[in-house]
Amino acid sequence: MVEFDGLFSFPSLSEFAAQHYLASKKINFLIVEDDPFMRTIIPKILYKVDKKAKLTWAVSVDEAKELLSKHDGTDAYDLIICDYLLSGKKHGIDLWKHCLTQQSLHIPFMLISGLSQKALRKHSGLNDFVKIHYLGKPFEPKQFQHLVEELL
């Protein structure tokens, strides 16, 4: 907020742009999560960001890749939220790497994990110079919501 003499205030340009974007469009999320408890928590937070949000779910990296291959420009995902440790042989970082290598998949990516960021980097082989949007579990709903809004 930008204040003038303490009498009144206006949203900053970035706040205004974010509010306008969020108000004018139904946000389309791809959520890759296999934990039933997290599958009940995440929608509650995302519907605070956008009451009309479209949530598409996958439980594995392979299922998420299949969904991504079917999306088109009119119904593209606005954000991918992916757990790191998923059932199967592939991890969330494998989906992130897949998205980086596909020209048509320039979609913001948020990785969530019960592992610390240091342990995640060691387990996945990522060095400290690779920027990844990460949120550790357990997290506060406001932390999750703030990172989602920041990435949109």
Protein backbone atom coordinates (compact mmCIF):
# COMPACT_ATOMS: atom_id res chain seq x y z
CA MET A 1 0.00 0.00 0.00
CA VAL A 2 1.13 3.51 -0.75
CA GLU A 3 0.01 6.06 1.88
CA PHE A 4 -0.38 9.80 1.44
CA ASP A 5 -0.06 11.88 4.62
CA GLY A 6 -1.68 9.03 6.56
CA LEU A 7 -5.10 10.12 5.27
CA PHE A 8 -5.69 7.59 2.52
CA SER A 9 -3.85 4.84 0.72
CA PHE A 10 -3.83 3.08 -2.61
CA PRO A 11 -2.60 -0.38 -3.50
CA SER A 12 0.84 -0.39 -5.08
CA LEU A 13 0.99 -1.09 -8.81
CA SER A 14 2.08 -4.70 -8.27
CA GLU A 15 -0.71 -5.27 -5.71
CA PHE A 16 -3.22 -3.74 -8.11
CA ALA A 17 -1.99 -5.87 -11.02
CA ALA A 18 -2.16 -9.04 -8.91
CA GLN A 19 -5.65 -8.23 -7.65
CA HIS A 20 -6.84 -7.45 -11.18
CA TYR A 21 -5.32 -10.65 -12.59
CA LEU A 22 -6.81 -12.79 -9.84
CA ALA A 23 -10.24 -11.15 -10.19
CA SER A 24 -10.46 -11.39 -13.98
CA LYS A 25 -9.49 -15.02 -14.58
CA LYS A 26 -10.31 -18.46 -13.24
CA ILE A 27 -6.97 -19.86 -12.11
CA ASN A 28 -6.11 -23.34 -13.33
CA PHE A 29 -3.95 -25.41 -10.95
CA LEU A 30 -2.30 -28.78 -11.50
CA ILE A 31 -1.71 -30.38 -8.10
CA VAL A 32 0.46 -33.49 -7.87
CA GLU A 33 -0.03 -34.98 -4.42
CA ASP A 34 -0.63 -38.53 -3.22
CA ASP A 35 -1.24 -37.85 0.49
CA PRO A 36 -5.01 -37.96 1.25
CA PHE A 37 -4.65 -35.47 4.13
CA MET A 38 -2.87 -32.90 1.94
CA ARG A 39 -5.53 -33.43 -0.74
CA THR A 40 -8.09 -32.10 1.76
CA ILE A 41 -6.00 -29.13 2.96
CA ILE A 42 -4.72 -27.74 -0.35
CA PRO A 43 -8.15 -27.01 -1.93
CA LYS A 44 -9.22 -24.99 1.11
CA ILE A 45 -6.20 -22.73 0.66
CA LEU A 46 -6.46 -22.46 -3.13
CA TYR A 47 -10.14 -21.50 -3.00
CA LYS A 48 -9.11 -18.56 -0.79
CA VAL A 49 -6.88 -17.42 -3.67
CA ASP A 50 -9.64 -17.92 -6.25
CA LYS A 51 -13.15 -19.09 -5.36
CA LYS A 52 -13.63 -20.26 -8.97
CA ALA A 53 -10.26 -22.01 -9.29
CA LYS A 54 -10.02 -25.14 -11.38
CA LEU A 55 -8.11 -27.90 -9.58
CA THR A 56 -6.73 -30.83 -11.58
CA TRP A 57 -5.21 -33.65 -9.56
CA ALA A 58 -2.53 -36.24 -10.24
CA VAL A 59 -0.94 -38.73 -7.83
CA SER A 60 2.24 -39.47 -9.77
CA VAL A 61 4.74 -37.81 -12.08
CA ASP A 62 3.62 -39.99 -15.00
CA GLU A 63 -0.03 -39.02 -14.51
CA ALA A 64 0.95 -35.33 -14.32
CA LYS A 65 2.98 -35.60 -17.54
CA GLU A 66 -0.03 -37.15 -19.26
CA LEU A 67 -2.25 -34.26 -18.11
CA LEU A 68 0.34 -31.71 -19.23
CA SER A 69 0.55 -33.30 -22.68
CA LYS A 70 -3.20 -32.79 -23.12
CA HIS A 71 -3.39 -29.12 -22.11
CA ASP A 72 -3.65 -26.43 -24.76
CA GLY A 73 -3.25 -22.67 -24.84
CA THR A 74 -6.88 -21.94 -23.95
CA ASP A 75 -6.87 -24.07 -20.80
CA ALA A 76 -3.21 -23.98 -19.79
CA TYR A 77 -2.21 -24.44 -16.17
CA ASP A 78 -1.29 -21.27 -14.29
CA LEU A 79 0.64 -23.07 -11.55
CA ILE A 80 1.87 -26.58 -10.81
CA ILE A 81 1.99 -27.55 -7.13
CA CYS A 82 3.90 -30.77 -6.64
CA ASP A 83 4.92 -32.90 -3.68
CA TYR A 84 8.49 -34.13 -3.79
CA LEU A 85 8.05 -37.66 -2.45
CA LEU A 86 5.38 -39.39 -4.50
CA SER A 87 4.42 -43.03 -4.90
CA GLY A 88 6.30 -44.67 -7.74
CA LYS A 89 9.88 -44.35 -8.87
CA LYS A 90 9.80 -40.68 -9.86
CA HIS A 91 9.88 -37.66 -7.59
CA GLY A 92 8.44 -34.17 -7.91
CA ILE A 93 11.83 -32.88 -9.03
CA ASP A 94 11.56 -35.14 -12.10
CA LEU A 95 8.37 -33.35 -13.11
CA TRP A 96 10.05 -29.98 -12.52
CA LYS A 97 12.97 -30.99 -14.76
CA HIS A 98 10.51 -32.23 -17.42
CA CYS A 99 8.73 -28.86 -17.40
CA LEU A 100 12.05 -27.02 -17.75
CA THR A 101 12.97 -28.99 -20.86
CA GLN A 102 9.63 -28.55 -22.64
CA GLN A 103 9.34 -25.29 -24.62
CA SER A 104 5.56 -25.21 -24.23
CA LEU A 105 5.61 -25.74 -20.45
CA HIS A 106 6.78 -22.44 -19.02
CA ILE A 107 4.51 -22.81 -16.00
CA PRO A 108 5.40 -21.60 -12.50
CA PHE A 109 6.26 -24.61 -10.32
CA MET A 110 5.94 -24.92 -6.54
CA LEU A 111 7.54 -27.89 -4.80
CA ILE A 112 6.33 -28.97 -1.36
CA SER A 113 8.04 -31.56 0.81
CA GLY A 114 8.47 -32.91 4.29
CA LEU A 115 12.21 -32.94 3.62
CA SER A 116 14.21 -29.87 4.54
CA GLN A 117 15.39 -27.85 1.58
CA LYS A 118 18.97 -28.96 2.25
CA ALA A 119 17.96 -32.65 2.37
CA LEU A 120 15.83 -32.23 -0.74
CA ARG A 121 18.73 -30.70 -2.67
CA LYS A 122 21.05 -33.51 -1.54
CA HIS A 123 18.51 -36.24 -2.35
CA SER A 124 17.71 -34.78 -5.79
CA GLY A 125 21.25 -33.77 -6.73
CA LEU A 126 20.41 -30.07 -7.10
CA ASN A 127 23.12 -27.60 -6.19
CA ASP A 128 22.52 -24.39 -4.21
CA PHE A 129 22.54 -22.24 -7.35
CA VAL A 130 19.37 -23.74 -8.80
CA LYS A 131 16.37 -21.60 -7.87
CA ILE A 132 13.32 -23.61 -6.94
CA HIS A 133 10.14 -22.40 -5.26
CA TYR A 134 9.95 -24.66 -2.22
CA LEU A 135 7.73 -24.87 0.83
CA GLY A 136 8.47 -27.31 3.63
CA LYS A 137 5.81 -29.41 5.33
CA PRO A 138 4.27 -28.85 7.71
CA PHE A 139 3.43 -25.33 6.63
CA GLU A 140 1.03 -22.65 7.76
CA PRO A 141 -1.88 -22.11 5.35
CA LYS A 142 -0.93 -18.42 5.06
CA GLN A 143 2.62 -19.37 3.98
CA PHE A 144 1.21 -21.64 1.27
CA GLN A 145 -1.28 -19.01 0.12
CA HIS A 146 1.37 -16.29 0.02
CA LEU A 147 3.74 -18.38 -2.13
CA VAL A 148 0.91 -19.32 -4.51
CA GLU A 149 -0.08 -15.66 -4.93
CA GLU A 150 3.57 -14.69 -5.44
CA LEU A 151 3.98 -17.25 -8.21
CA LEU A 152 0.82 -16.30 -10.13
